[in-house]
Amino acid sequence: MTSTLAIERLTLYDLEERFGLQEECDLAFFSEWHGMQLQLSDSERERLARICAGYANLERRGLLEKTVELLVLAPLLDLAGFFLPPFYIETEKPVRVKATDGSMMISGRLDVLVVCDRLWILVIESKRGEFSLKVGIPQVLGYMLSAEKPQPVRYGMVTNGESFQFLKLSMGETPRYGRSNTFLLGQDAGLETTLQILKYLATLLVAE
């Protein structure tokens, strides 16, 4: 008998037990974000500085998911070129994916941004999980597993507006995923690195 689980309640344990998902800790598996040579322009750095200033101004009042999308995520996607062809963005569509043994069906409504069926971005509310991205990682991996088009490699990003982490999912007989470091807005050029990675992923998606 197949049970149904809301994707918001998904855990890494569920993905490991029901879908055979394995974490790949070898740094070579997710090497795309290492050693990037993409340089940001002065205008891009100025725009990122305005994002940081806006975040500092609004976080005192409490940042909700939609505020983060408007203040932080939309400008980043724009600067990375994801609002222009050949990319497109989708939101708010139903998602259903069945476990490999047929024992579980994951269902939910897409509250992430899907860019060209290859990049999945999930925004979590800052107040959830004490600002931890861990609450969103199983959910975005579940979305990535449910992708309709048979893309062998998929990428994801989880953010609460202050922290950013990238994911890589490699499909195959045994699906595997890897994580990047966590990058922090306003610390160690974290926002700049996030934009560099997004721009680099855009070049990969176009090339493939």
Protein backbone atom coordinates (compact mmCIF):
# COMPACT_ATOMS: atom_id res chain seq x y z
CA MET A 1 0.00 0.00 0.00
CA THR A 2 1.31 3.43 -0.93
CA SER A 3 1.31 6.12 1.76
CA THR A 4 1.35 9.84 0.98
CA LEU A 5 3.69 12.32 2.65
CA ALA A 6 3.47 16.09 2.30
CA ILE A 7 6.75 17.35 0.91
CA GLU A 8 7.02 19.95 3.68
CA ARG A 9 7.40 17.07 6.19
CA LEU A 10 10.08 15.28 4.20
CA THR A 11 13.33 14.31 5.94
CA LEU A 12 16.68 13.16 4.62
CA TYR A 13 15.95 9.81 6.25
CA ASP A 14 12.81 9.47 4.09
CA LEU A 15 14.83 10.19 0.95
CA GLU A 16 17.54 7.73 1.91
CA GLU A 17 15.18 4.92 2.89
CA ARG A 18 12.48 5.32 0.24
CA PHE A 19 14.40 6.71 -2.73
CA GLY A 20 17.89 5.32 -2.18
CA LEU A 21 19.37 8.82 -2.11
CA GLN A 22 22.97 8.98 -0.92
CA GLU A 23 25.09 11.93 0.10
CA GLU A 24 28.39 12.21 -1.74
CA CYS A 25 31.07 13.75 0.45
CA ASP A 26 33.89 13.62 -2.10
CA LEU A 27 34.72 17.25 -2.93
CA ALA A 28 35.29 16.27 -6.56
CA PHE A 29 31.60 15.36 -6.92
CA PHE A 30 30.42 18.95 -6.57
CA SER A 31 33.43 20.84 -7.83
CA GLU A 32 31.53 23.33 -10.00
CA TRP A 33 31.66 26.05 -7.38
CA HIS A 34 35.39 25.67 -6.68
CA GLY A 35 37.97 27.92 -8.29
CA MET A 36 35.56 30.08 -10.26
CA GLN A 37 37.13 32.84 -12.30
CA LEU A 38 34.00 34.92 -12.89
CA GLN A 39 34.64 38.53 -11.97
CA LEU A 40 31.86 40.85 -10.88
CA SER A 41 31.56 44.35 -12.33
CA ASP A 42 31.51 47.49 -10.22
CA SER A 43 27.79 47.92 -10.96
CA GLU A 44 27.08 44.36 -9.82
CA ARG A 45 28.98 44.92 -6.59
CA GLU A 46 27.06 48.15 -6.02
CA ARG A 47 23.77 46.31 -6.51
CA LEU A 48 24.82 43.64 -4.01
CA ALA A 49 25.74 46.35 -1.52
CA ARG A 50 22.22 47.77 -1.85
CA ILE A 51 20.78 44.30 -1.19
CA CYS A 52 22.86 44.03 1.97
CA ALA A 53 21.77 47.49 3.10
CA GLY A 54 18.12 46.69 2.43
CA TYR A 55 18.37 43.41 4.32
CA ALA A 56 19.95 45.13 7.32
CA ASN A 57 17.14 47.69 7.31
CA LEU A 58 14.26 45.22 7.10
CA GLU A 59 15.50 42.30 9.22
CA ARG A 60 14.73 44.29 12.38
CA ARG A 61 11.03 43.96 11.56
CA GLY A 62 11.21 40.24 10.73
CA LEU A 63 11.68 38.91 7.23
CA LEU A 64 9.03 36.66 5.77
CA GLU A 65 9.47 34.39 2.77
CA LYS A 66 7.95 36.82 0.25
CA THR A 67 10.07 39.68 1.56
CA VAL A 68 13.21 37.60 1.06
CA GLU A 69 12.14 36.75 -2.48
CA LEU A 70 11.64 40.42 -3.36
CA LEU A 71 14.61 41.87 -1.52
CA VAL A 72 17.32 39.25 -2.09
CA LEU A 73 16.43 36.46 -4.48
CA ALA A 74 14.87 38.38 -7.38
CA PRO A 75 17.85 40.77 -7.74
CA LEU A 76 20.29 37.84 -7.62
CA LEU A 77 18.41 35.96 -10.34
CA ASP A 78 18.24 39.10 -12.43
CA LEU A 79 21.97 39.76 -12.09
CA ALA A 80 22.71 36.13 -13.00
CA GLY A 81 20.59 36.46 -16.16
CA PHE A 82 17.88 33.96 -15.24
CA PHE A 83 15.02 36.23 -16.31
CA LEU A 84 16.21 36.23 -19.93
CA PRO A 85 16.14 33.53 -22.66
CA PRO A 86 16.93 30.68 -22.78
CA PHE A 87 15.86 30.52 -19.14
CA TYR A 88 12.35 30.57 -17.73
CA ILE A 89 11.00 30.38 -14.20
CA GLU A 90 8.06 28.38 -12.87
CA THR A 91 6.30 28.42 -9.50
CA GLU A 92 3.13 27.10 -7.92
CA LYS A 93 2.64 23.79 -9.69
CA PRO A 94 1.74 20.40 -8.14
CA VAL A 95 4.56 17.94 -7.47
CA ARG A 96 4.23 14.18 -7.02
CA VAL A 97 7.03 11.64 -6.88
CA LYS A 98 6.80 7.93 -5.95
CA ALA A 99 9.42 6.05 -3.95
CA THR A 100 11.48 3.45 -5.79
CA ASP A 101 9.73 0.62 -3.94
CA GLY A 102 6.30 2.17 -4.47
CA SER A 103 5.67 2.44 -0.72
CA MET A 104 5.46 6.22 -0.54
CA MET A 105 4.14 9.08 -2.62
CA ILE A 106 5.46 12.56 -1.91
CA SER A 107 3.08 15.32 -2.88
CA GLY A 108 2.89 19.06 -2.53
CA ARG A 109 2.61 22.33 -4.36
CA LEU A 110 5.73 23.86 -5.75
CA ASP A 111 6.80 26.85 -3.67
CA VAL A 112 10.23 26.97 -5.20
CA LEU A 113 11.52 28.65 -8.33
CA VAL A 114 12.45 26.27 -11.12
CA VAL A 115 14.83 27.66 -13.68
CA CYS A 116 14.89 25.80 -16.98
CA ASP A 117 14.08 22.46 -15.24
CA ARG A 118 17.67 22.28 -14.00
CA LEU A 119 17.98 24.74 -11.11
CA TRP A 120 15.59 24.54 -8.16
CA ILE A 121 15.56 27.33 -5.59
CA LEU A 122 13.76 27.14 -2.26
CA VAL A 123 13.23 30.10 0.06
CA ILE A 124 12.51 29.24 3.69
CA GLU A 125 11.26 31.69 6.27
CA SER A 126 14.04 33.02 8.46
CA LYS A 127 12.12 32.19 11.63
CA ARG A 128 11.99 28.46 10.81
CA GLY A 129 14.60 26.17 12.28
CA GLU A 130 16.36 29.05 14.03
CA PHE A 131 17.64 30.38 10.70
CA SER A 132 18.90 26.91 9.69
CA LEU A 133 18.85 25.84 6.06
CA LYS A 134 18.63 22.21 7.14
CA VAL A 135 14.85 22.36 7.25
CA GLY A 136 14.76 23.14 3.52
CA ILE A 137 17.36 20.73 2.14
CA PRO A 138 15.16 17.58 2.14
CA GLN A 139 12.32 19.55 0.56
CA VAL A 140 14.36 20.96 -2.32
CA LEU A 141 15.94 17.54 -2.94
CA GLY A 142 12.44 16.08 -3.13
CA TYR A 143 11.51 18.68 -5.74
CA MET A 144 14.70 17.96 -7.67
CA LEU A 145 13.94 14.22 -7.69
CA SER A 146 10.47 14.95 -9.09
CA ALA A 147 11.73 16.82 -12.17
CA GLU A 148 9.72 15.70 -15.17
CA LYS A 149 12.49 16.01 -17.74
CA PRO A 150 15.18 13.29 -17.60
CA GLN A 151 18.11 15.54 -16.73
CA PRO A 152 21.00 13.48 -15.31
CA VAL A 153 22.38 16.38 -13.25
CA ARG A 154 20.30 18.97 -11.39
CA TYR A 155 21.22 21.85 -9.12
CA GLY A 156 19.47 23.49 -6.21
CA MET A 157 19.83 26.35 -3.77
CA VAL A 158 18.29 26.88 -0.36
CA THR A 159 18.22 30.32 1.23
CA ASN A 160 16.58 32.20 4.06
CA GLY A 161 17.85 35.51 2.73
CA GLU A 162 20.85 35.57 5.03
CA SER A 163 22.41 32.17 4.28
CA PHE A 164 22.82 30.34 0.96
CA GLN A 165 23.71 26.73 0.20
CA PHE A 166 23.90 24.99 -3.17
CA LEU A 167 23.08 21.36 -3.94
CA LYS A 168 23.96 19.05 -6.80
CA LEU A 169 21.89 15.95 -7.58
CA SER A 170 23.19 13.26 -9.91
CA MET A 171 20.53 10.87 -11.14
CA GLY A 172 21.30 7.26 -11.88
CA GLU A 173 20.65 3.80 -10.50
CA THR A 174 21.61 5.33 -7.15
CA PRO A 175 20.83 9.05 -6.94
CA ARG A 176 23.57 11.03 -5.19
CA TYR A 177 23.74 14.57 -3.91
CA GLY A 178 26.41 16.93 -2.64
CA ARG A 179 26.38 20.25 -0.81
CA SER A 180 28.41 23.41 -1.11
CA ASN A 181 29.64 25.44 1.82
CA THR A 182 27.13 27.82 3.37
CA PHE A 183 27.59 31.44 2.28
CA LEU A 184 26.47 34.30 4.52
CA LEU A 185 25.18 37.69 3.45
CA GLY A 186 27.47 40.40 4.78
CA GLN A 187 30.26 38.01 5.77
CA ASP A 188 33.37 36.93 3.82
CA ALA A 189 31.86 38.21 0.54
CA GLY A 190 29.16 35.54 0.83
CA LEU A 191 26.65 37.35 -1.36
CA GLU A 192 29.28 37.98 -4.03
CA THR A 193 30.23 34.28 -4.04
CA THR A 194 26.57 33.31 -4.29
CA LEU A 195 26.13 35.49 -7.37
CA GLN A 196 29.31 34.11 -8.91
CA ILE A 197 28.03 30.55 -8.47
CA LEU A 198 24.65 31.43 -9.95
CA LYS A 199 26.31 33.03 -12.96
CA TYR A 200 28.57 30.03 -13.40
CA LEU A 201 25.66 27.59 -13.18
CA ALA A 202 23.89 29.67 -15.83
CA THR A 203 26.81 29.11 -18.20
CA LEU A 204 26.70 25.37 -17.48
CA LEU A 205 22.97 25.14 -18.13
CA VAL A 206 23.29 27.00 -21.42
CA ALA A 207 26.21 24.84 -22.52
CA GLU A 208 24.33 21.63 -21.81
